[in-house]
Amino acid sequence: MSHRSRREFLEESMLATAAAVAAHAAPNVFADEDKPGKGPSETLGVAVMGVNGRGNSHISAFAGRGDTEILYVCDVDRDIGGKRAEEVGKRQDGHVPKFEEDIRKVLEDPRVDIVTIATPNHWHALGAIWAIQAGKDVYVEKPVSHNVSEGRRIVEAARKHKRICQTGTQSRSNPGMIAAMEYIHAGKIGEVKLARGLCYKPRGSIGPKGVYEVPANINYDLWCGPAPMGPVTRPRFHYDWHWQWDFGNGDLGNQGIHQMDLCRWALGAKTLSNAVVSYGGRFGYEDAGETANTQVAVQDYGSRSLVFEVRGLKTPRYKGASVGIIVEGTDGYVVIGSYESGVAFDKEGKEVATFKGGGDNLHFANFLKAVRSRNASDLTADIEEGHLSSALCHLANISYRLGTDLPAQELAPQLATFKQTDDYQDTLQRTLAHLNENEVKVEGLKVRMGAVLALNVAEETFQNNPAANAMLTRNYRSPYVVPGASQV
């Protein structure tokens, strides 16, 4: 890979893309790069794609505002989609949006200015790219992609077609978070050496792996979209896809992406890391889940590090946080335990500053401001920010999936080959102690020790590792093909 560009690699790995897209994948509507935005007095037409979970927040953000109108509710679940359309109508003085299963039909309507996406992860990138190509501005939930290549493709599409594309990491618009980051970047805790993300969020078994019927109200072909259309192997159809690789990215790319983004923001990192390694496993039960429920990811940024811990079994807080981040400096540290608040401490652990303030409404308002101004720099979470933070999660999962199951006692020397620091070893020992506390006996336990992967940061590829590079993208199911490089 050292002598080939990212563009060449990705184009070679996705040979069928152009033909599939031309055949029938994308809507037959393309963006007018000079299309003006609507003025402040004009109503923006909105389509919400995916309304079972987070999409409800999207509905709340745009229904009944006066300056926006939800014209479409799009979901592959007919029962949920129809119900949501009725609910939206009540919020819009009887203006009931049209329900559609297929986003391609929605994109043909020129009245739609904005598409918001809250589908399962594997649909995020394709939905965003199709909408951008059709001349729509896009708000896409985290992670913005299911793999690294997809995120970069959305960035390229947004730039090419001059569309506004916001990432759903709402902390970026919250005054409390902005103040905390300004405090860190101003050197108030000294030189920052480490940002630690925590996703201490207990998750139970999702039930035994088997073959289950697709609910009658689901258009399963559309639900699978870019992913393989195999049998359903989990008991609960909705949500539990998060823990299966074809559709989700584990809790690292579910809840954890929020905290990964905060860590990268705290470090001021504007690129992917120099190298990555991840270790862990799925412990405490056997079920239909495939992703790790106990995972540590380490991103090497040279003199700085980003360490991320996922704990899906019962666990106490660490330094006062459970789902949050801890930024360590030479003169103190900052603990951020929510989407909008945090506390700064000196080296002795004395509280010296607090930060608070925010709400979802601010992030949606920021998006609408940029839609009106046609200036992507107005966004607090432009799509490239979403791509980088999502990609860090994907890189760690690639390391984990390419790893080898080793006895727990052999992890420490293996980790030392990545980068020898006391903190990494302390994190490992705390993780093993956590498993013991949950009656997962470490003695004799096999833990997945991920591959140590060095990156070509400029190319967003791995160095001399074809197996890892193949996992930067996926094989797409026609016609649901995410375009390759230069094809957006």
Protein backbone atom coordinates (compact mmCIF):
# COMPACT_ATOMS: atom_id res chain seq x y z
CA MET A 1 0.00 0.00 0.00
CA SER A 2 2.95 2.37 0.50
CA HIS A 3 3.22 3.25 -3.20
CA ARG A 4 -0.52 3.43 -3.94
CA SER A 5 -2.87 6.26 -3.12
CA ARG A 6 -6.04 5.88 -1.07
CA ARG A 7 -8.00 6.67 -4.22
CA GLU A 8 -6.34 3.86 -6.17
CA PHE A 9 -6.82 1.35 -3.36
CA LEU A 10 -10.46 2.13 -2.79
CA GLU A 11 -11.30 2.16 -6.48
CA GLU A 12 -9.68 -1.24 -6.94
CA SER A 13 -11.55 -2.67 -3.96
CA MET A 14 -14.93 -1.47 -5.23
CA LEU A 15 -14.84 -2.31 -8.94
CA ALA A 16 -18.58 -2.79 -9.25
CA THR A 17 -19.55 0.54 -7.75
CA ALA A 18 -19.85 2.71 -10.85
CA ALA A 19 -21.92 0.20 -12.77
CA ALA A 20 -24.24 -0.45 -9.85
CA VAL A 21 -24.80 3.22 -9.21
CA ALA A 22 -25.47 3.93 -12.87
CA ALA A 23 -27.83 0.97 -13.10
CA HIS A 24 -30.31 2.11 -10.51
CA ALA A 25 -28.95 2.69 -7.02
CA ALA A 26 -29.03 6.44 -6.71
CA PRO A 27 -32.11 8.58 -7.33
CA ASN A 28 -32.26 10.10 -10.76
CA VAL A 29 -31.86 13.56 -9.27
CA PHE A 30 -28.53 15.34 -8.93
CA ALA A 31 -27.52 18.43 -7.07
CA ASP A 32 -27.34 21.81 -8.73
CA GLU A 33 -24.08 23.07 -7.26
CA ASP A 34 -25.33 26.65 -7.50
CA LYS A 35 -28.72 25.97 -5.93
CA PRO A 36 -29.40 28.86 -3.52
CA GLY A 37 -30.61 28.38 0.00
CA LYS A 38 -34.04 29.51 1.10
CA GLY A 39 -34.36 32.85 2.79
CA PRO A 40 -35.11 33.25 6.50
CA SER A 41 -38.83 33.70 5.88
CA GLU A 42 -39.21 30.62 3.69
CA THR A 43 -40.24 27.25 5.07
CA LEU A 44 -37.73 24.42 4.72
CA GLY A 45 -39.12 21.03 3.70
CA VAL A 46 -37.79 18.14 5.80
CA ALA A 47 -37.74 14.36 5.38
CA VAL A 48 -36.83 12.18 8.36
CA MET A 49 -35.33 8.80 7.49
CA GLY A 50 -35.51 6.27 10.33
CA VAL A 51 -38.02 7.11 13.06
CA ASN A 52 -38.03 4.23 15.51
CA GLY A 53 -35.51 5.59 18.01
CA ARG A 54 -33.33 8.66 17.67
CA GLY A 55 -35.46 9.76 14.73
CA ASN A 56 -38.10 10.80 17.25
CA SER A 57 -35.72 13.53 18.40
CA HIS A 58 -35.39 14.66 14.79
CA ILE A 59 -39.16 14.87 14.55
CA SER A 60 -39.29 16.96 17.73
CA ALA A 61 -36.64 19.27 16.32
CA PHE A 62 -38.43 20.07 13.05
CA ALA A 63 -42.16 19.52 13.58
CA GLY A 64 -44.18 22.56 14.62
CA ARG A 65 -41.36 25.10 14.32
CA GLY A 66 -43.00 27.38 11.77
CA ASP A 67 -39.89 27.71 9.62
CA THR A 68 -39.66 23.99 8.86
CA GLU A 69 -42.22 21.39 7.85
CA ILE A 70 -41.77 17.64 7.85
CA LEU A 71 -43.02 16.55 4.44
CA TYR A 72 -41.99 12.90 4.66
CA VAL A 73 -41.52 10.20 7.24
CA CYS A 74 -39.39 7.44 5.75
CA ASP A 75 -38.99 4.07 7.46
CA VAL A 76 -38.88 0.43 6.41
CA ASP A 77 -41.17 -0.45 9.34
CA ARG A 78 -44.69 0.27 8.05
CA ASP A 79 -46.27 0.22 11.49
CA ILE A 80 -43.83 2.63 13.08
CA GLY A 81 -43.59 4.87 10.02
CA GLY A 82 -47.34 5.24 9.68
CA LYS A 83 -47.73 5.93 13.38
CA ARG A 84 -45.05 8.61 13.35
CA ALA A 85 -46.60 10.33 10.33
CA GLU A 86 -49.89 10.66 12.22
CA GLU A 87 -48.07 12.02 15.27
CA VAL A 88 -46.24 14.59 13.18
CA GLY A 89 -49.52 15.73 11.65
CA LYS A 90 -50.83 16.61 15.10
CA ARG A 91 -47.76 18.76 15.72
CA GLN A 92 -48.10 20.49 12.36
CA ASP A 93 -51.70 21.68 12.61
CA GLY A 94 -53.02 18.79 10.58
CA HIS A 95 -50.28 18.83 7.92
CA VAL A 96 -49.62 15.09 7.88
CA PRO A 97 -46.36 14.11 6.19
CA LYS A 98 -46.38 11.43 3.56
CA PHE A 99 -45.08 8.04 4.66
CA GLU A 100 -42.62 6.27 2.35
CA GLU A 101 -40.59 3.12 2.81
CA ASP A 102 -38.00 3.92 0.13
CA ILE A 103 -35.79 7.00 0.52
CA ARG A 104 -35.26 7.12 -3.26
CA LYS A 105 -38.87 8.12 -3.78
CA VAL A 106 -38.54 10.86 -1.18
CA LEU A 107 -35.47 12.31 -2.87
CA GLU A 108 -37.36 12.83 -6.13
CA ASP A 109 -39.48 15.56 -4.50
CA PRO A 110 -37.94 19.01 -5.09
CA ARG A 111 -39.85 20.40 -2.09
CA VAL A 112 -37.53 18.48 0.22
CA ASP A 113 -34.64 20.69 1.28
CA ILE A 114 -33.34 18.66 4.23
CA VAL A 115 -32.96 14.95 4.91
CA THR A 116 -32.21 13.79 8.44
CA ILE A 117 -30.96 10.25 8.96
CA ALA A 118 -31.42 8.13 12.08
CA THR A 119 -31.41 4.66 10.55
CA PRO A 120 -29.25 1.73 11.64
CA ASN A 121 -25.55 2.45 11.10
CA HIS A 122 -25.16 0.52 7.87
CA TRP A 123 -27.57 2.92 6.08
CA HIS A 124 -26.06 6.21 7.32
CA ALA A 125 -23.53 6.80 4.55
CA LEU A 126 -25.62 5.65 1.59
CA GLY A 127 -28.64 7.63 2.75
CA ALA A 128 -26.49 10.73 3.21
CA ILE A 129 -24.73 10.42 -0.14
CA TRP A 130 -27.93 9.80 -2.08
CA ALA A 131 -29.54 12.81 -0.41
CA ILE A 132 -26.54 15.04 -1.13
CA GLN A 133 -26.48 13.92 -4.76
CA ALA A 134 -30.17 14.81 -4.97
CA GLY A 135 -29.42 18.36 -3.82
CA LYS A 136 -30.52 18.02 -0.19
CA ASP A 137 -28.77 19.19 2.96
CA VAL A 138 -28.22 16.43 5.48
CA TYR A 139 -28.19 15.86 9.23
CA VAL A 140 -26.80 12.35 9.79
CA GLU A 141 -26.58 10.58 13.12
CA LYS A 142 -23.46 9.09 14.63
CA PRO A 143 -21.53 7.13 13.64
CA VAL A 144 -21.82 8.73 10.24
CA SER A 145 -20.51 5.57 8.62
CA HIS A 146 -20.31 1.81 9.01
CA ASN A 147 -16.68 1.76 7.86
CA VAL A 148 -13.84 4.20 7.28
CA SER A 149 -14.23 4.60 3.51
CA GLU A 150 -17.91 5.51 3.79
CA GLY A 151 -17.20 8.50 6.00
CA ARG A 152 -14.67 9.98 3.61
CA ARG A 153 -17.10 9.46 0.73
CA ILE A 154 -19.77 11.56 2.49
CA VAL A 155 -17.22 14.34 3.01
CA GLU A 156 -16.32 14.23 -0.67
CA ALA A 157 -19.98 14.29 -1.71
CA ALA A 158 -20.79 17.25 0.54
CA ARG A 159 -17.85 19.25 -0.81
CA LYS A 160 -18.48 18.37 -4.46
CA HIS A 161 -22.19 19.20 -4.39
CA LYS A 162 -21.83 22.12 -1.96
CA ARG A 163 -24.29 20.70 0.53
CA ILE A 164 -24.51 21.35 4.26
CA CYS A 165 -23.93 18.13 6.23
CA GLN A 166 -24.07 18.07 10.02
CA THR A 167 -23.03 15.16 12.26
CA GLY A 168 -25.26 14.20 15.17
CA THR A 169 -22.66 14.70 17.90
CA GLN A 170 -24.68 17.31 19.75
CA SER A 171 -22.06 18.04 22.40
CA ARG A 172 -20.27 20.16 19.79
CA SER A 173 -23.03 22.79 20.04
CA ASN A 174 -23.39 22.83 23.83
CA PRO A 175 -21.97 25.89 25.64
CA GLY A 176 -20.79 23.73 28.54
CA MET A 177 -18.71 21.54 26.26
CA ILE A 178 -17.38 24.46 24.25
CA ALA A 179 -16.24 26.16 27.48
CA ALA A 180 -14.61 22.97 28.76
CA MET A 181 -12.68 22.52 25.54
CA GLU A 182 -11.58 26.15 25.50
CA TYR A 183 -10.33 25.68 29.07
CA ILE A 184 -8.33 22.60 28.06
CA HIS A 185 -6.95 24.15 24.87
CA ALA A 186 -5.90 27.28 26.77
CA GLY A 187 -3.51 25.15 28.81
CA LYS A 188 -5.41 25.47 32.09
CA ILE A 189 -4.60 21.83 33.00
CA GLY A 190 -1.12 22.04 31.53
CA GLU A 191 0.09 19.93 28.65
CA VAL A 192 -2.46 17.27 27.73
CA LYS A 193 -0.98 13.82 27.40
CA LEU A 194 -4.04 11.59 27.52
CA ALA A 195 -7.75 11.72 26.73
CA ARG A 196 -9.65 8.73 28.09
CA GLY A 197 -13.13 7.84 26.88
CA LEU A 198 -15.48 5.75 29.00
CA CYS A 199 -18.52 3.81 27.91
CA TYR A 200 -19.38 2.09 31.18
CA LYS A 201 -22.88 1.09 30.16
CA PRO A 202 -24.11 -2.33 31.33
CA ARG A 203 -25.80 -4.36 28.61
CA GLY A 204 -27.45 -7.73 29.12
CA SER A 205 -27.61 -10.71 26.80
CA ILE A 206 -29.61 -10.17 23.61
CA GLY A 207 -30.76 -13.79 23.58
CA PRO A 208 -29.59 -16.94 21.83
CA LYS A 209 -28.37 -17.00 18.28
CA GLY A 210 -30.85 -18.69 15.97
CA VAL A 211 -33.01 -18.13 12.92
CA TYR A 212 -35.94 -15.81 13.57
CA GLU A 213 -38.78 -14.59 11.40
CA VAL A 214 -38.63 -11.12 9.92
CA PRO A 215 -41.52 -9.09 11.35
CA ALA A 216 -44.36 -8.83 8.83
CA ASN A 217 -44.31 -5.03 9.00
CA ILE A 218 -40.68 -4.79 7.84
CA ASN A 219 -39.50 -4.34 4.25
CA TYR A 220 -36.47 -6.54 4.83
CA ASP A 221 -34.79 -5.88 1.50
CA LEU A 222 -34.79 -2.15 2.23
CA TRP A 223 -33.81 -2.70 5.86
CA CYS A 224 -30.71 -4.67 4.84
CA GLY A 225 -29.86 -2.21 2.09
CA PRO A 226 -26.05 -2.22 1.65
CA ALA A 227 -25.60 -5.17 4.02
CA PRO A 228 -25.95 -8.89 3.23
CA MET A 229 -29.54 -10.09 3.19
CA GLY A 230 -29.16 -13.16 5.37
CA PRO A 231 -31.46 -14.67 7.99
CA VAL A 232 -32.29 -12.74 11.15
CA THR A 233 -30.21 -14.34 13.91
CA ARG A 234 -31.24 -12.23 16.93
CA PRO A 235 -34.55 -12.51 18.85
CA ARG A 236 -35.29 -8.78 18.94
CA PHE A 237 -35.29 -7.25 15.48
CA HIS A 238 -34.90 -3.59 16.35
CA TYR A 239 -31.92 -2.12 18.23
CA ASP A 240 -30.01 -5.37 18.83
CA TRP A 241 -28.48 -5.06 15.36
CA HIS A 242 -25.95 -2.81 17.14
CA TRP A 243 -24.13 -5.92 18.36
CA GLN A 244 -23.83 -7.64 14.96
CA TRP A 245 -21.01 -6.67 12.62
CA ASP A 246 -23.03 -6.55 9.39
CA PHE A 247 -25.14 -3.69 10.73
CA GLY A 248 -23.58 -2.18 13.87
CA ASN A 249 -20.24 -1.29 15.39
CA GLY A 250 -20.66 -2.39 19.01
CA ASP A 251 -20.90 0.09 21.84
CA LEU A 252 -17.66 1.69 20.71
CA GLY A 253 -19.54 2.96 17.65
CA ASN A 254 -22.91 3.32 19.39
CA GLN A 255 -22.77 5.23 22.66
CA GLY A 256 -18.99 5.45 22.53
CA ILE A 257 -18.78 7.56 19.39
CA HIS A 258 -20.00 10.57 21.39
CA GLN A 259 -17.15 10.21 23.86
CA MET A 260 -14.64 9.34 21.14
CA ASP A 261 -15.52 12.65 19.50
CA LEU A 262 -15.04 14.54 22.76
CA CYS A 263 -11.65 12.89 23.29
CA ARG A 264 -10.45 13.83 19.83
CA TRP A 265 -11.77 17.37 20.34
CA ALA A 266 -9.90 17.63 23.63
CA LEU A 267 -6.66 16.49 21.99
CA GLY A 268 -7.14 18.90 19.10
CA ALA A 269 -6.54 15.96 16.75
CA LYS A 270 -7.52 16.80 13.17
CA THR A 271 -6.51 13.49 11.60
CA LEU A 272 -6.67 9.79 12.31
CA SER A 273 -4.09 8.38 14.71
CA ASN A 274 -0.61 7.10 13.83
CA ALA A 275 -1.41 3.60 15.05
CA VAL A 276 -4.13 1.65 16.85
CA VAL A 277 -4.57 -1.49 18.92
CA SER A 278 -7.62 -2.90 20.68
CA TYR A 279 -8.25 -5.86 22.97
CA GLY A 280 -11.23 -7.40 24.76
CA GLY A 281 -14.06 -9.85 24.16
CA ARG A 282 -17.71 -10.67 24.71
CA PHE A 283 -17.85 -11.99 28.25
CA GLY A 284 -20.41 -12.94 30.89
CA TYR A 285 -22.90 -14.66 28.58
CA GLU A 286 -23.23 -16.33 25.18
CA ASP A 287 -25.77 -14.80 22.85
CA ALA A 288 -26.47 -13.65 19.30
CA GLY A 289 -24.15 -10.68 19.73
CA GLU A 290 -20.83 -10.59 17.89
CA THR A 291 -19.22 -7.34 19.02
CA ALA A 292 -17.13 -6.94 22.16
CA ASN A 293 -18.90 -6.00 25.39
CA THR A 294 -15.54 -5.45 27.10
CA GLN A 295 -13.04 -3.55 24.99
CA VAL A 296 -10.06 -1.24 25.29
CA ALA A 297 -8.87 0.77 22.30
CA VAL A 298 -5.63 2.75 22.20
CA GLN A 299 -4.95 5.40 19.56
CA ASP A 300 -1.34 6.61 19.28
CA TYR A 301 -1.02 10.32 18.52
CA GLY A 302 2.72 10.50 19.13
CA SER A 303 3.30 12.43 22.36
CA ARG A 304 -0.42 12.11 23.16
CA SER A 305 -2.73 9.15 23.48
CA LEU A 306 -6.43 8.44 23.26
CA VAL A 307 -7.56 5.46 25.34
CA PHE A 308 -11.13 4.19 25.19
CA GLU A 309 -12.78 1.72 27.55
CA VAL A 310 -16.03 -0.12 26.88
CA ARG A 311 -17.56 -2.03 29.77
CA GLY A 312 -20.85 -3.79 29.15
CA LEU A 313 -20.89 -5.59 32.50
CA LYS A 314 -21.70 -4.01 35.84
CA THR A 315 -19.01 -1.55 36.85
CA PRO A 316 -18.47 1.43 39.19
CA ARG A 317 -17.59 4.90 37.94
CA TYR A 318 -14.00 5.89 37.28
CA LYS A 319 -12.97 9.30 38.63
CA GLY A 320 -16.63 10.21 38.83
CA ALA A 321 -17.55 9.28 35.26
CA SER A 322 -19.32 6.32 33.71
CA VAL A 323 -20.23 7.53 30.22
CA GLY A 324 -17.86 10.41 29.62
CA ILE A 325 -14.24 11.40 29.20
CA ILE A 326 -11.26 12.25 31.42
CA VAL A 327 -8.62 14.58 30.02
CA GLU A 328 -5.29 14.31 31.84
CA GLY A 329 -2.88 17.24 31.87
CA THR A 330 0.42 17.92 33.59
CA ASP A 331 -1.29 20.40 35.97
CA GLY A 332 -4.70 18.80 36.47
CA TYR A 333 -7.53 17.02 34.74
CA VAL A 334 -11.05 17.57 33.43
CA VAL A 335 -13.91 15.12 33.88
CA ILE A 336 -16.82 15.37 31.45
CA GLY A 337 -19.65 13.13 32.55
CA SER A 338 -22.49 14.20 30.27
CA TYR A 339 -23.21 15.87 26.94
CA GLU A 340 -23.18 19.37 28.41
CA SER A 341 -21.33 19.51 31.75
CA GLY A 342 -17.88 18.93 33.20
CA VAL A 343 -15.56 19.70 36.12
CA ALA A 344 -11.88 20.67 36.20
CA PHE A 345 -9.56 19.57 39.02
CA ASP A 346 -5.99 20.45 39.99
CA LYS A 347 -3.28 17.82 40.50
CA GLU A 348 -4.42 17.25 44.08
CA GLY A 349 -7.98 16.56 42.98
CA LYS A 350 -9.41 19.88 44.14
CA GLU A 351 -12.28 21.23 42.03
CA VAL A 352 -11.23 24.45 40.29
CA ALA A 353 -13.81 25.06 37.55
CA THR A 354 -17.19 23.84 36.31
CA PHE A 355 -18.82 23.91 32.91
CA LYS A 356 -22.47 23.44 32.05
CA GLY A 357 -25.18 24.27 29.58
CA GLY A 358 -26.70 22.82 26.46
CA GLY A 359 -29.43 20.78 24.83
CA ASP A 360 -30.30 18.97 21.61
CA ASN A 361 -32.17 22.00 20.30
CA LEU A 362 -28.93 23.94 19.99
CA HIS A 363 -27.39 21.43 17.62
CA PHE A 364 -30.40 21.32 15.32
CA ALA A 365 -30.53 25.14 15.41
CA ASN A 366 -26.87 25.28 14.44
CA PHE A 367 -27.60 23.02 11.47
CA LEU A 368 -30.48 25.22 10.32
CA LYS A 369 -28.31 28.31 10.64
CA ALA A 370 -25.79 26.78 8.22
CA VAL A 371 -28.55 25.63 5.87
CA ARG A 372 -29.79 29.22 5.67
CA SER A 373 -26.34 30.79 5.33
CA ARG A 374 -25.01 28.14 2.88
CA ASN A 375 -21.75 28.30 4.83
CA ALA A 376 -20.45 24.94 6.12
CA SER A 377 -18.05 26.78 8.43
CA ASP A 378 -21.09 27.78 10.52
CA LEU A 379 -21.48 24.13 11.54
CA THR A 380 -20.16 23.04 14.90
CA ALA A 381 -20.04 19.40 13.74
CA ASP A 382 -19.31 19.40 10.02
CA ILE A 383 -19.36 15.98 8.37
CA GLU A 384 -15.56 15.75 8.39
CA GLU A 385 -15.55 15.94 12.18
CA GLY A 386 -18.05 13.10 12.20
CA HIS A 387 -15.98 11.09 9.75
CA LEU A 388 -12.78 11.33 11.80
CA SER A 389 -14.38 10.41 15.11
CA SER A 390 -16.39 7.57 13.56
CA ALA A 391 -13.29 6.28 11.79
CA LEU A 392 -11.37 6.03 15.08
CA CYS A 393 -14.04 3.62 16.29
CA HIS A 394 -13.83 1.62 13.07
CA LEU A 395 -10.03 1.43 13.23
CA ALA A 396 -10.17 0.01 16.74
CA ASN A 397 -12.76 -2.56 15.72
CA ILE A 398 -10.59 -3.62 12.77
CA SER A 399 -7.66 -4.19 15.14
CA TYR A 400 -9.90 -6.19 17.46
CA ARG A 401 -11.39 -8.33 14.69
CA LEU A 402 -7.96 -9.16 13.26
CA GLY A 403 -6.65 -10.16 16.68
CA THR A 404 -5.72 -13.46 18.29
CA ASP A 405 -7.28 -15.02 21.39
CA LEU A 406 -4.58 -15.23 24.06
CA PRO A 407 -4.48 -16.16 27.75
CA ALA A 408 -5.15 -13.02 29.78
CA GLN A 409 -1.68 -13.11 31.38
CA GLU A 410 -0.06 -12.77 27.95
CA LEU A 411 -1.71 -9.46 27.10
CA ALA A 412 0.71 -7.22 29.02
CA PRO A 413 3.84 -8.08 26.99
CA GLN A 414 1.83 -7.93 23.76
CA LEU A 415 0.55 -4.47 24.65
CA ALA A 416 4.09 -3.35 25.38
CA THR A 417 5.00 -3.97 21.74
CA PHE A 418 2.54 -1.22 20.80
CA LYS A 419 3.77 1.40 23.22
CA GLN A 420 5.17 0.86 26.68
CA THR A 421 3.50 3.17 29.18
CA ASP A 422 2.43 2.64 32.76
CA ASP A 423 -1.04 3.95 31.93
CA TYR A 424 -1.70 1.29 29.29
CA GLN A 425 -0.69 -1.44 31.69
CA ASP A 426 -2.81 0.07 34.48
CA THR A 427 -5.81 0.14 32.13
CA LEU A 428 -5.25 -3.53 31.31
CA GLN A 429 -5.04 -4.53 34.98
CA ARG A 430 -8.19 -2.55 35.83
CA THR A 431 -10.00 -4.23 32.94
CA LEU A 432 -9.01 -7.72 34.11
CA ALA A 433 -10.00 -6.86 37.69
CA HIS A 434 -13.36 -5.67 36.35
CA LEU A 435 -13.94 -9.05 34.74
CA ASN A 436 -13.06 -10.85 37.97
CA GLU A 437 -15.54 -8.66 39.83
CA ASN A 438 -18.23 -9.85 37.39
CA GLU A 439 -17.33 -13.49 38.05
CA VAL A 440 -15.56 -13.84 34.73
CA LYS A 441 -12.49 -15.64 36.00
CA VAL A 442 -9.38 -14.20 34.43
CA GLU A 443 -7.29 -17.27 35.21
CA GLY A 444 -7.40 -19.37 32.04
CA LEU A 445 -9.54 -16.76 30.23
CA LYS A 446 -8.86 -16.15 26.55
CA VAL A 447 -8.94 -12.48 25.56
CA ARG A 448 -8.79 -11.17 21.99
CA MET A 449 -5.51 -9.27 21.59
CA GLY A 450 -5.96 -7.07 18.56
CA ALA A 451 -3.49 -6.56 15.76
CA VAL A 452 -1.13 -3.62 16.11
CA LEU A 453 -1.89 -1.50 13.06
CA ALA A 454 0.15 1.45 11.79
CA LEU A 455 -1.57 4.01 9.61
CA ASN A 456 -0.74 6.15 6.64
CA VAL A 457 -2.60 9.14 8.04
CA ALA A 458 -2.72 11.17 4.83
CA GLU A 459 -4.12 8.24 2.85
CA GLU A 460 -6.39 6.96 5.65
CA THR A 461 -5.13 3.44 5.01
CA PHE A 462 -3.07 0.93 6.95
CA GLN A 463 0.61 0.44 6.24
CA ASN A 464 1.48 -2.85 4.53
CA ASN A 465 -1.57 -4.75 5.79
CA PRO A 466 -3.89 -5.96 3.01
CA ALA A 467 -6.23 -7.74 5.44
CA ALA A 468 -6.77 -4.57 7.46
CA ASN A 469 -7.12 -2.40 4.34
CA ALA A 470 -9.83 -4.70 3.01
CA MET A 471 -11.85 -3.90 6.12
CA LEU A 472 -11.82 -0.16 5.41
CA THR A 473 -14.78 -0.81 3.14
CA ARG A 474 -17.20 -3.69 2.51
CA ASN A 475 -18.80 -5.66 -0.30
CA TYR A 476 -22.09 -3.92 -1.10
CA ARG A 477 -25.32 -5.56 -2.15
CA SER A 478 -26.56 -4.10 -5.41
CA PRO A 479 -28.26 -1.70 -5.90
CA TYR A 480 -27.41 -0.36 -2.44
CA VAL A 481 -23.82 0.51 -3.29
CA VAL A 482 -21.88 3.28 -1.57
CA PRO A 483 -19.92 5.03 -4.34
CA GLY A 484 -16.17 4.74 -4.40
CA ALA A 485 -13.58 7.50 -4.43
CA SER A 486 -14.23 10.21 -7.06
CA GLN A 487 -17.64 8.65 -7.85
CA VAL A 488 -19.82 10.65 -5.48
